[in-house]
């Protein structure tokens, strides 16, 4: 499975990347929303794992960008509950698969 992992905290990114890779997945990662957006424009994924709050481009914006490209991979956000604004906007982007 090809996975994009986007997390700005290295303490969370590195162990998760290592675990997914050890499980046999192909994992690309980014620590910045703008870099992740560029990557999403170039490649397709089977799963996106996105932090909600990222530098430059938010996880929600990344998901919306991916959907506008016509790509439908499930999106997982393994962090604490997001700010209330995301609950109102989540209908624009499927966060929970």
N, C-alpha and C. Protein backbone atom coordinates (compact mmCIF):
# COMPACT_ATOMS: atom_id res chain seq x y z
N UNK A 1 0.86 -1.17 0.00
CA UNK A 1 0.00 0.00 0.00
C UNK A 1 0.91 1.23 0.00
N UNK A 2 0.60 2.22 -0.82
CA UNK A 2 1.34 3.47 -0.87
C UNK A 2 0.63 4.48 0.04
N UNK A 3 1.38 5.02 1.00
CA UNK A 3 0.83 5.91 2.02
C UNK A 3 1.59 7.22 2.03
N UNK A 4 0.86 8.33 2.15
CA UNK A 4 1.48 9.63 2.40
C UNK A 4 1.22 9.98 3.85
N UNK A 5 2.29 10.22 4.59
CA UNK A 5 2.23 10.58 6.00
C UNK A 5 2.69 12.03 6.13
N UNK A 6 1.82 12.88 6.65
CA UNK A 6 2.14 14.30 6.80
C UNK A 6 1.98 14.70 8.26
N UNK A 7 3.11 15.03 8.88
CA UNK A 7 3.14 15.37 10.31
C UNK A 7 4.33 16.29 10.54
N UNK A 8 4.10 17.43 11.18
CA UNK A 8 5.19 18.38 11.40
C UNK A 8 6.01 18.07 12.65
N UNK A 9 5.55 17.19 13.51
CA UNK A 9 6.27 16.81 14.72
C UNK A 9 7.10 15.56 14.45
N UNK A 10 8.43 15.72 14.44
CA UNK A 10 9.32 14.60 14.14
C UNK A 10 9.17 13.46 15.13
N UNK A 11 8.80 13.77 16.39
CA UNK A 11 8.61 12.72 17.40
C UNK A 11 7.44 11.81 17.08
N UNK A 12 6.51 12.27 16.27
CA UNK A 12 5.38 11.44 15.84
C UNK A 12 5.63 10.88 14.44
N UNK A 13 6.22 11.68 13.58
CA UNK A 13 6.44 11.28 12.19
C UNK A 13 7.39 10.09 12.07
N UNK A 14 8.54 10.18 12.70
CA UNK A 14 9.58 9.16 12.50
C UNK A 14 9.17 7.76 12.96
N UNK A 15 8.60 7.59 14.17
CA UNK A 15 8.21 6.22 14.57
C UNK A 15 7.07 5.65 13.71
N UNK A 16 6.13 6.50 13.34
CA UNK A 16 5.03 6.03 12.51
C UNK A 16 5.52 5.64 11.12
N UNK A 17 6.40 6.45 10.56
CA UNK A 17 7.00 6.13 9.26
C UNK A 17 7.74 4.80 9.33
N UNK A 18 8.53 4.61 10.38
CA UNK A 18 9.29 3.37 10.55
C UNK A 18 8.37 2.16 10.69
N UNK A 19 7.32 2.30 11.48
CA UNK A 19 6.39 1.19 11.70
C UNK A 19 5.65 0.80 10.42
N UNK A 20 5.19 1.80 9.68
CA UNK A 20 4.48 1.52 8.43
C UNK A 20 5.41 0.88 7.40
N UNK A 21 6.63 1.38 7.33
CA UNK A 21 7.62 0.82 6.40
C UNK A 21 7.95 -0.62 6.78
N UNK A 22 8.13 -0.87 8.08
CA UNK A 22 8.44 -2.22 8.55
C UNK A 22 7.31 -3.20 8.26
N UNK A 23 6.09 -2.68 8.19
CA UNK A 23 4.93 -3.52 7.88
C UNK A 23 4.80 -3.78 6.38
N UNK A 24 5.73 -3.23 5.59
CA UNK A 24 5.74 -3.51 4.16
C UNK A 24 5.10 -2.45 3.28
N UNK A 25 4.69 -1.34 3.86
CA UNK A 25 4.06 -0.28 3.07
C UNK A 25 5.11 0.63 2.45
N UNK A 26 4.77 1.24 1.35
CA UNK A 26 5.61 2.26 0.73
C UNK A 26 5.13 3.59 1.31
N UNK A 27 6.00 4.27 2.03
CA UNK A 27 5.61 5.47 2.77
C UNK A 27 6.42 6.67 2.31
N UNK A 28 5.70 7.70 1.87
CA UNK A 28 6.30 9.00 1.62
C UNK A 28 5.87 9.88 2.77
N UNK A 29 6.75 10.81 3.17
CA UNK A 29 6.37 11.67 4.29
C UNK A 29 6.77 13.11 4.01
N UNK A 30 6.07 14.01 4.70
CA UNK A 30 6.36 15.44 4.62
C UNK A 30 6.09 16.06 5.98
N UNK A 31 6.85 17.08 6.30
CA UNK A 31 6.68 17.78 7.58
C UNK A 31 6.04 19.14 7.39
N UNK A 32 5.56 19.43 6.20
CA UNK A 32 5.05 20.75 5.86
C UNK A 32 3.89 20.59 4.88
N UNK A 33 2.82 21.34 5.08
CA UNK A 33 1.65 21.22 4.22
C UNK A 33 1.91 21.59 2.77
N UNK A 34 2.75 22.59 2.54
CA UNK A 34 3.03 23.02 1.16
C UNK A 34 3.78 21.93 0.39
N UNK A 35 4.73 21.29 1.05
CA UNK A 35 5.46 20.20 0.40
C UNK A 35 4.52 19.03 0.13
N UNK A 36 3.67 18.72 1.10
CA UNK A 36 2.70 17.64 0.92
C UNK A 36 1.76 17.93 -0.25
N UNK A 37 1.35 19.18 -0.40
CA UNK A 37 0.45 19.54 -1.50
C UNK A 37 1.14 19.30 -2.84
N UNK A 38 2.40 19.64 -2.94
CA UNK A 38 3.16 19.40 -4.17
C UNK A 38 3.24 17.90 -4.44
N UNK A 39 3.56 17.11 -3.40
CA UNK A 39 3.65 15.66 -3.56
C UNK A 39 2.32 15.07 -4.03
N UNK A 40 1.21 15.54 -3.44
CA UNK A 40 -0.11 15.03 -3.81
C UNK A 40 -0.44 15.32 -5.27
N UNK A 41 0.08 16.41 -5.79
CA UNK A 41 -0.16 16.76 -7.19
C UNK A 41 0.59 15.84 -8.15
N UNK A 42 1.65 15.20 -7.66
CA UNK A 42 2.50 14.39 -8.52
C UNK A 42 2.22 12.90 -8.45
N UNK A 43 1.62 12.42 -7.35
CA UNK A 43 1.52 10.99 -7.14
C UNK A 43 0.19 10.62 -6.49
N UNK A 44 -0.27 9.40 -6.75
CA UNK A 44 -1.48 8.89 -6.13
C UNK A 44 -1.15 8.03 -4.92
N UNK A 45 -2.07 7.95 -3.98
CA UNK A 45 -1.86 7.18 -2.75
C UNK A 45 -3.08 6.33 -2.44
N UNK A 46 -2.84 5.26 -1.70
CA UNK A 46 -3.91 4.40 -1.23
C UNK A 46 -4.48 4.89 0.10
N UNK A 47 -3.68 5.66 0.83
CA UNK A 47 -4.09 6.19 2.14
C UNK A 47 -3.31 7.45 2.43
N UNK A 48 -4.00 8.46 2.98
CA UNK A 48 -3.34 9.68 3.46
C UNK A 48 -3.48 9.71 4.97
N UNK A 49 -2.38 9.97 5.66
CA UNK A 49 -2.41 10.17 7.11
C UNK A 49 -1.95 11.60 7.33
N UNK A 50 -2.89 12.45 7.74
CA UNK A 50 -2.62 13.89 7.80
C UNK A 50 -2.82 14.45 9.20
N UNK A 51 -1.87 15.27 9.62
CA UNK A 51 -2.05 16.07 10.81
C UNK A 51 -3.06 17.16 10.46
N UNK A 52 -3.83 17.61 11.43
CA UNK A 52 -4.82 18.67 11.18
C UNK A 52 -4.16 20.03 11.00
N UNK A 53 -3.23 20.32 11.89
CA UNK A 53 -2.62 21.65 11.93
C UNK A 53 -1.17 21.56 11.47
N UNK A 54 -0.93 22.02 10.26
CA UNK A 54 0.39 21.95 9.64
C UNK A 54 0.88 23.34 9.27
N UNK A 55 2.19 23.52 9.17
CA UNK A 55 2.70 24.80 8.67
C UNK A 55 2.29 25.01 7.21
N UNK A 56 1.92 26.20 6.88
CA UNK A 56 1.62 26.69 5.53
C UNK A 56 0.29 26.22 4.95
N UNK A 57 0.01 24.94 4.93
CA UNK A 57 -1.24 24.41 4.37
C UNK A 57 -1.80 23.40 5.36
N UNK A 58 -3.06 23.56 5.77
CA UNK A 58 -3.66 22.67 6.77
C UNK A 58 -3.99 21.30 6.19
N UNK A 59 -4.20 20.35 7.09
CA UNK A 59 -4.61 19.01 6.68
C UNK A 59 -5.93 19.03 5.91
N UNK A 60 -6.86 19.87 6.35
CA UNK A 60 -8.14 19.99 5.65
C UNK A 60 -7.93 20.50 4.23
N UNK A 61 -7.09 21.51 4.07
CA UNK A 61 -6.82 22.04 2.73
C UNK A 61 -6.14 20.99 1.85
N UNK A 62 -5.26 20.19 2.44
CA UNK A 62 -4.63 19.11 1.66
C UNK A 62 -5.66 18.12 1.17
N UNK A 63 -6.57 17.75 2.04
CA UNK A 63 -7.61 16.80 1.66
C UNK A 63 -8.48 17.37 0.55
N UNK A 64 -8.88 18.62 0.69
CA UNK A 64 -9.71 19.26 -0.34
C UNK A 64 -8.96 19.34 -1.66
N UNK A 65 -7.67 19.66 -1.61
CA UNK A 65 -6.84 19.71 -2.82
C UNK A 65 -6.81 18.34 -3.50
N UNK A 66 -6.62 17.29 -2.72
CA UNK A 66 -6.56 15.93 -3.25
C UNK A 66 -7.89 15.55 -3.90
N UNK A 67 -8.98 15.90 -3.27
CA UNK A 67 -10.31 15.60 -3.84
C UNK A 67 -10.54 16.37 -5.13
N UNK A 68 -10.11 17.62 -5.19
CA UNK A 68 -10.26 18.41 -6.42
C UNK A 68 -9.48 17.79 -7.58
N UNK A 69 -8.40 17.07 -7.27
CA UNK A 69 -7.64 16.38 -8.30
C UNK A 69 -8.34 15.11 -8.77
N UNK A 70 -9.48 14.78 -8.13
CA UNK A 70 -10.24 13.60 -8.51
C UNK A 70 -9.76 12.32 -7.85
N UNK A 71 -8.96 12.45 -6.82
CA UNK A 71 -8.41 11.29 -6.13
C UNK A 71 -9.22 11.01 -4.87
N UNK A 72 -9.43 9.73 -4.56
CA UNK A 72 -10.38 9.38 -3.51
C UNK A 72 -9.81 8.49 -2.41
N UNK A 73 -8.53 8.49 -2.19
CA UNK A 73 -7.95 7.67 -1.13
C UNK A 73 -8.53 8.07 0.23
N UNK A 74 -8.71 7.10 1.13
CA UNK A 74 -9.17 7.43 2.49
C UNK A 74 -8.16 8.32 3.20
N UNK A 75 -8.68 9.13 4.11
CA UNK A 75 -7.84 10.05 4.88
C UNK A 75 -8.01 9.75 6.35
N UNK A 76 -6.89 9.64 7.04
CA UNK A 76 -6.88 9.36 8.47
C UNK A 76 -6.17 10.52 9.16
N UNK A 77 -6.73 10.96 10.28
CA UNK A 77 -6.10 12.02 11.06
C UNK A 77 -5.96 11.53 12.50
N UNK A 78 -4.78 10.99 12.85
CA UNK A 78 -4.61 10.33 14.14
C UNK A 78 -4.21 11.24 15.29
N UNK A 79 -4.79 12.42 15.36
CA UNK A 79 -4.44 13.36 16.43
C UNK A 79 -5.66 13.69 17.26
N UNK A 80 -5.44 14.47 18.28
CA UNK A 80 -6.54 14.91 19.14
C UNK A 80 -7.62 15.61 18.32
N UNK A 81 -8.83 15.77 18.86
CA UNK A 81 -9.90 16.42 18.10
C UNK A 81 -9.49 17.80 17.60
N UNK A 82 -9.89 18.13 16.40
CA UNK A 82 -9.53 19.41 15.80
C UNK A 82 -10.34 20.56 16.38
N UNK A 83 -9.94 21.79 16.06
CA UNK A 83 -10.73 22.94 16.47
C UNK A 83 -12.14 22.87 15.90
N UNK A 84 -13.12 23.51 16.55
CA UNK A 84 -14.53 23.43 16.12
C UNK A 84 -14.78 23.78 14.65
N UNK A 85 -14.01 24.67 14.07
CA UNK A 85 -14.25 25.05 12.68
C UNK A 85 -14.19 23.84 11.76
N UNK A 86 -13.34 22.86 12.07
CA UNK A 86 -13.21 21.68 11.22
C UNK A 86 -14.47 20.82 11.23
N UNK A 87 -15.20 20.81 12.35
CA UNK A 87 -16.43 20.04 12.38
C UNK A 87 -17.45 20.59 11.40
N UNK A 88 -17.46 21.91 11.23
CA UNK A 88 -18.38 22.51 10.27
C UNK A 88 -17.93 22.30 8.83
N UNK A 89 -16.63 22.17 8.62
CA UNK A 89 -16.11 22.05 7.26
C UNK A 89 -15.90 20.61 6.79
N UNK A 90 -15.98 19.65 7.71
CA UNK A 90 -15.63 18.28 7.34
C UNK A 90 -16.52 17.69 6.26
N UNK A 91 -17.73 18.22 6.06
CA UNK A 91 -18.59 17.69 5.02
C UNK A 91 -17.99 17.95 3.63
N UNK A 92 -17.06 18.89 3.53
CA UNK A 92 -16.41 19.18 2.26
C UNK A 92 -15.29 18.19 1.96
N UNK A 93 -14.92 17.41 2.94
CA UNK A 93 -13.80 16.48 2.78
C UNK A 93 -14.01 15.30 3.70
N UNK A 94 -13.93 14.09 3.20
CA UNK A 94 -14.14 12.89 4.03
C UNK A 94 -12.89 12.61 4.84
N UNK A 95 -12.99 12.79 6.15
CA UNK A 95 -11.81 12.57 6.99
C UNK A 95 -11.78 11.16 7.55
N UNK A 96 -12.91 10.58 7.83
CA UNK A 96 -12.91 9.27 8.45
C UNK A 96 -13.38 8.24 7.46
N UNK A 97 -12.53 7.25 7.21
CA UNK A 97 -12.87 6.23 6.22
C UNK A 97 -13.63 5.09 6.88
